N, C-alpha and C. Protein backbone atom coordinates (compact mmCIF):
# COMPACT_ATOMS: atom_id res chain seq x y z
N MET A 1 25.84 -115.47 2.99
CA MET A 1 24.99 -116.38 3.73
C MET A 1 25.81 -117.57 4.21
N ILE A 2 25.61 -117.95 5.44
CA ILE A 2 26.33 -119.08 6.03
C ILE A 2 25.65 -120.37 5.64
N GLU A 3 26.45 -121.29 5.12
CA GLU A 3 25.91 -122.57 4.69
C GLU A 3 25.95 -123.56 5.85
N ILE A 4 24.84 -124.26 6.06
CA ILE A 4 24.72 -125.25 7.13
C ILE A 4 24.88 -126.64 6.52
N GLU A 5 25.73 -127.43 7.16
CA GLU A 5 25.96 -128.80 6.73
C GLU A 5 25.21 -129.74 7.67
N GLU A 6 24.86 -130.92 7.16
CA GLU A 6 24.20 -131.94 7.96
C GLU A 6 24.93 -133.27 7.76
N VAL A 7 25.13 -133.99 8.86
CA VAL A 7 25.76 -135.30 8.80
C VAL A 7 24.96 -136.25 9.69
N LEU A 8 24.56 -137.39 9.11
CA LEU A 8 23.86 -138.42 9.88
C LEU A 8 24.90 -139.35 10.49
N ILE A 9 24.81 -139.56 11.79
CA ILE A 9 25.72 -140.46 12.49
C ILE A 9 24.91 -141.51 13.24
N THR A 10 25.56 -142.62 13.57
CA THR A 10 24.87 -143.68 14.30
C THR A 10 24.70 -143.29 15.77
N LYS A 11 23.84 -144.03 16.43
CA LYS A 11 23.63 -143.79 17.87
C LYS A 11 24.90 -144.09 18.66
N SER A 12 25.65 -145.11 18.24
CA SER A 12 26.91 -145.44 18.92
C SER A 12 27.93 -144.33 18.75
N GLN A 13 28.01 -143.76 17.55
CA GLN A 13 28.92 -142.65 17.30
C GLN A 13 28.50 -141.43 18.12
N TYR A 14 27.21 -141.19 18.19
CA TYR A 14 26.71 -140.06 18.97
C TYR A 14 27.06 -140.24 20.45
N ASN A 15 26.85 -141.43 20.96
CA ASN A 15 27.18 -141.69 22.37
C ASN A 15 28.66 -141.50 22.63
N ALA A 16 29.50 -141.93 21.69
CA ALA A 16 30.94 -141.75 21.84
C ALA A 16 31.30 -140.26 21.84
N LEU A 17 30.65 -139.49 20.98
CA LEU A 17 30.88 -138.03 20.96
C LEU A 17 30.47 -137.39 22.28
N ASN A 18 29.38 -137.84 22.83
CA ASN A 18 28.88 -137.28 24.10
C ASN A 18 29.84 -137.52 25.25
N GLU A 19 30.70 -138.50 25.13
CA GLU A 19 31.64 -138.81 26.21
C GLU A 19 32.95 -138.03 26.10
N ILE A 20 33.16 -137.32 25.00
CA ILE A 20 34.39 -136.53 24.86
C ILE A 20 34.29 -135.30 25.75
N ARG A 21 35.27 -135.13 26.59
CA ARG A 21 35.31 -133.96 27.47
C ARG A 21 36.15 -132.89 26.81
N GLY A 22 35.72 -131.66 26.91
CA GLY A 22 36.49 -130.55 26.38
C GLY A 22 36.27 -130.27 24.91
N LEU A 23 35.08 -130.64 24.38
CA LEU A 23 34.78 -130.29 23.00
C LEU A 23 34.77 -128.76 22.86
N HIS A 24 35.18 -128.30 21.71
CA HIS A 24 35.09 -126.88 21.41
C HIS A 24 33.64 -126.46 21.63
N GLN A 25 33.41 -125.26 22.11
CA GLN A 25 32.07 -124.83 22.51
C GLN A 25 31.03 -125.00 21.40
N ASP A 26 31.34 -124.57 20.18
CA ASP A 26 30.33 -124.69 19.13
C ASP A 26 30.09 -126.14 18.74
N ALA A 27 31.14 -126.98 18.80
CA ALA A 27 30.98 -128.41 18.51
C ALA A 27 30.12 -129.06 19.59
N PHE A 28 30.35 -128.67 20.84
CA PHE A 28 29.55 -129.20 21.95
C PHE A 28 28.07 -128.89 21.76
N HIS A 29 27.78 -127.64 21.40
CA HIS A 29 26.38 -127.25 21.20
C HIS A 29 25.76 -128.00 20.02
N MET A 30 26.55 -128.26 18.99
CA MET A 30 26.04 -129.02 17.86
C MET A 30 25.70 -130.45 18.28
N VAL A 31 26.56 -131.06 19.09
CA VAL A 31 26.33 -132.44 19.53
C VAL A 31 25.11 -132.54 20.44
N VAL A 32 25.04 -131.69 21.44
CA VAL A 32 23.90 -131.79 22.36
C VAL A 32 22.59 -131.36 21.70
N GLY A 33 22.68 -130.57 20.64
CA GLY A 33 21.48 -130.14 19.94
C GLY A 33 21.10 -131.02 18.76
N ALA A 34 21.82 -132.13 18.58
CA ALA A 34 21.54 -133.02 17.45
C ALA A 34 20.14 -133.61 17.58
N LYS A 35 19.50 -133.77 16.44
CA LYS A 35 18.14 -134.31 16.42
C LYS A 35 18.22 -135.83 16.25
N GLU A 36 17.46 -136.53 17.09
CA GLU A 36 17.45 -138.00 17.03
C GLU A 36 16.39 -138.49 16.04
N TYR A 37 16.79 -139.47 15.26
CA TYR A 37 15.89 -140.16 14.33
C TYR A 37 16.00 -141.65 14.60
N SER A 38 15.18 -142.43 13.97
CA SER A 38 15.20 -143.88 14.20
C SER A 38 16.52 -144.51 13.76
N ASN A 39 17.20 -143.91 12.78
CA ASN A 39 18.44 -144.48 12.28
C ASN A 39 19.69 -143.75 12.76
N GLY A 40 19.57 -142.87 13.74
CA GLY A 40 20.73 -142.19 14.29
C GLY A 40 20.43 -140.75 14.66
N TYR A 41 21.46 -139.92 14.58
CA TYR A 41 21.35 -138.50 14.92
C TYR A 41 21.86 -137.67 13.76
N VAL A 42 21.28 -136.50 13.58
CA VAL A 42 21.75 -135.58 12.55
C VAL A 42 22.44 -134.41 13.24
N LEU A 43 23.72 -134.24 12.89
CA LEU A 43 24.49 -133.08 13.35
C LEU A 43 24.32 -131.99 12.31
N LYS A 44 24.00 -130.77 12.74
CA LYS A 44 23.85 -129.63 11.84
C LYS A 44 24.76 -128.52 12.33
N GLY A 45 25.55 -127.97 11.41
CA GLY A 45 26.42 -126.88 11.79
C GLY A 45 27.14 -126.29 10.60
N THR A 46 27.90 -125.26 10.87
CA THR A 46 28.68 -124.60 9.83
C THR A 46 29.95 -125.42 9.56
N ALA A 47 30.61 -125.09 8.47
CA ALA A 47 31.87 -125.76 8.14
C ALA A 47 32.88 -125.57 9.27
N GLN A 48 32.90 -124.39 9.87
CA GLN A 48 33.83 -124.13 10.97
C GLN A 48 33.51 -125.02 12.19
N THR A 49 32.24 -125.20 12.48
CA THR A 49 31.85 -126.05 13.60
C THR A 49 32.28 -127.49 13.34
N PHE A 50 32.09 -127.97 12.12
CA PHE A 50 32.53 -129.33 11.79
C PHE A 50 34.06 -129.43 11.82
N ASP A 51 34.77 -128.37 11.46
CA ASP A 51 36.23 -128.36 11.57
C ASP A 51 36.65 -128.53 13.03
N HIS A 52 35.97 -127.82 13.92
CA HIS A 52 36.28 -127.95 15.35
C HIS A 52 35.98 -129.36 15.85
N LEU A 53 34.86 -129.92 15.42
CA LEU A 53 34.50 -131.27 15.84
C LEU A 53 35.51 -132.28 15.32
N ARG A 54 35.92 -132.14 14.05
CA ARG A 54 36.93 -133.05 13.48
C ARG A 54 38.23 -132.98 14.27
N ALA A 55 38.64 -131.78 14.63
CA ALA A 55 39.88 -131.61 15.39
C ALA A 55 39.77 -132.28 16.76
N ASP A 56 38.63 -132.11 17.42
CA ASP A 56 38.43 -132.71 18.74
C ASP A 56 38.40 -134.23 18.66
N VAL A 57 37.71 -134.77 17.66
CA VAL A 57 37.64 -136.22 17.49
C VAL A 57 39.01 -136.77 17.14
N SER A 58 39.72 -136.06 16.28
CA SER A 58 41.07 -136.48 15.89
C SER A 58 42.00 -136.54 17.11
N ASP A 59 41.96 -135.53 17.95
CA ASP A 59 42.78 -135.53 19.17
C ASP A 59 42.43 -136.73 20.05
N GLU A 60 41.15 -136.98 20.19
CA GLU A 60 40.68 -138.08 21.04
C GLU A 60 41.19 -139.42 20.51
N VAL A 61 41.14 -139.60 19.20
CA VAL A 61 41.54 -140.87 18.59
C VAL A 61 43.06 -141.02 18.61
N TYR A 62 43.78 -140.00 18.13
CA TYR A 62 45.23 -140.13 18.00
C TYR A 62 45.96 -140.15 19.34
N HIS A 63 45.38 -139.56 20.35
CA HIS A 63 45.99 -139.61 21.67
C HIS A 63 45.39 -140.71 22.55
N GLU A 64 44.46 -141.47 21.95
CA GLU A 64 43.79 -142.58 22.63
C GLU A 64 43.29 -142.18 24.01
N LEU A 65 42.53 -141.10 24.05
CA LEU A 65 42.01 -140.58 25.31
C LEU A 65 40.74 -141.29 25.77
N SER A 66 40.13 -142.04 24.87
CA SER A 66 38.90 -142.76 25.20
C SER A 66 39.20 -144.25 25.34
N PRO A 67 38.32 -144.98 26.02
CA PRO A 67 38.47 -146.44 26.06
C PRO A 67 38.37 -147.02 24.64
N LYS A 68 38.98 -148.18 24.43
CA LYS A 68 39.02 -148.80 23.10
C LYS A 68 37.63 -149.00 22.51
N SER A 69 36.64 -149.31 23.32
CA SER A 69 35.28 -149.51 22.80
C SER A 69 34.73 -148.24 22.17
N ARG A 70 35.07 -147.09 22.73
CA ARG A 70 34.62 -145.82 22.17
C ARG A 70 35.47 -145.39 20.99
N LEU A 71 36.77 -145.69 21.05
CA LEU A 71 37.66 -145.30 19.96
C LEU A 71 37.22 -145.90 18.64
N LYS A 72 36.71 -147.13 18.69
CA LYS A 72 36.23 -147.80 17.48
C LYS A 72 35.16 -146.95 16.79
N HIS A 73 34.22 -146.45 17.55
CA HIS A 73 33.13 -145.64 17.00
C HIS A 73 33.64 -144.27 16.54
N LEU A 74 34.60 -143.71 17.27
CA LEU A 74 35.14 -142.41 16.89
C LEU A 74 35.95 -142.50 15.61
N ARG A 75 36.65 -143.62 15.41
CA ARG A 75 37.42 -143.79 14.17
C ARG A 75 36.48 -143.84 12.95
N THR A 76 35.38 -144.57 13.07
CA THR A 76 34.45 -144.63 11.94
C THR A 76 33.78 -143.27 11.74
N LEU A 77 33.58 -142.55 12.82
CA LEU A 77 32.98 -141.22 12.73
C LEU A 77 33.90 -140.25 11.99
N MET A 78 35.20 -140.38 12.18
CA MET A 78 36.15 -139.48 11.51
C MET A 78 35.95 -139.51 10.00
N SER A 79 35.74 -140.69 9.45
CA SER A 79 35.55 -140.77 8.00
C SER A 79 34.24 -140.12 7.58
N ARG A 80 33.22 -140.19 8.41
CA ARG A 80 31.92 -139.55 8.10
C ARG A 80 32.04 -138.02 8.15
N LEU A 81 32.94 -137.52 8.96
CA LEU A 81 33.07 -136.08 9.13
C LEU A 81 33.99 -135.42 8.11
N GLU A 82 34.66 -136.23 7.29
CA GLU A 82 35.56 -135.66 6.30
C GLU A 82 34.77 -134.81 5.31
N PRO A 83 35.28 -133.64 4.98
CA PRO A 83 34.55 -132.78 4.04
C PRO A 83 34.48 -133.44 2.66
N GLU A 84 33.37 -133.20 1.99
CA GLU A 84 33.21 -133.73 0.65
C GLU A 84 34.08 -132.93 -0.31
N VAL A 85 34.71 -133.64 -1.25
CA VAL A 85 35.56 -133.00 -2.23
C VAL A 85 34.82 -132.97 -3.56
N ASP A 86 34.72 -131.80 -4.14
CA ASP A 86 34.08 -131.68 -5.44
C ASP A 86 35.00 -132.19 -6.53
N ASP A 87 34.47 -133.01 -7.43
CA ASP A 87 35.26 -133.48 -8.56
C ASP A 87 35.23 -132.43 -9.65
N PHE A 88 36.35 -132.26 -10.31
CA PHE A 88 36.44 -131.27 -11.38
C PHE A 88 36.20 -131.91 -12.71
């Protein structure tokens, strides 16, 4: 069974994601299909989809492809997208 992950992001982070051109197809569908709530948006997808999104956001940030105002939101988003590590 495929496990679905959910991540709550701010509206500013969502808007910054929407401005990234060339998102991986499954990451793009996850972003445009995100559900809006009063406190932000919820991204839902598989671990692989989140891996693609992390890679796309990382490229955008490290190559500074977005304006500085958007990069700020994408940098904070990167930490939200980091996979959770189980403690042993």
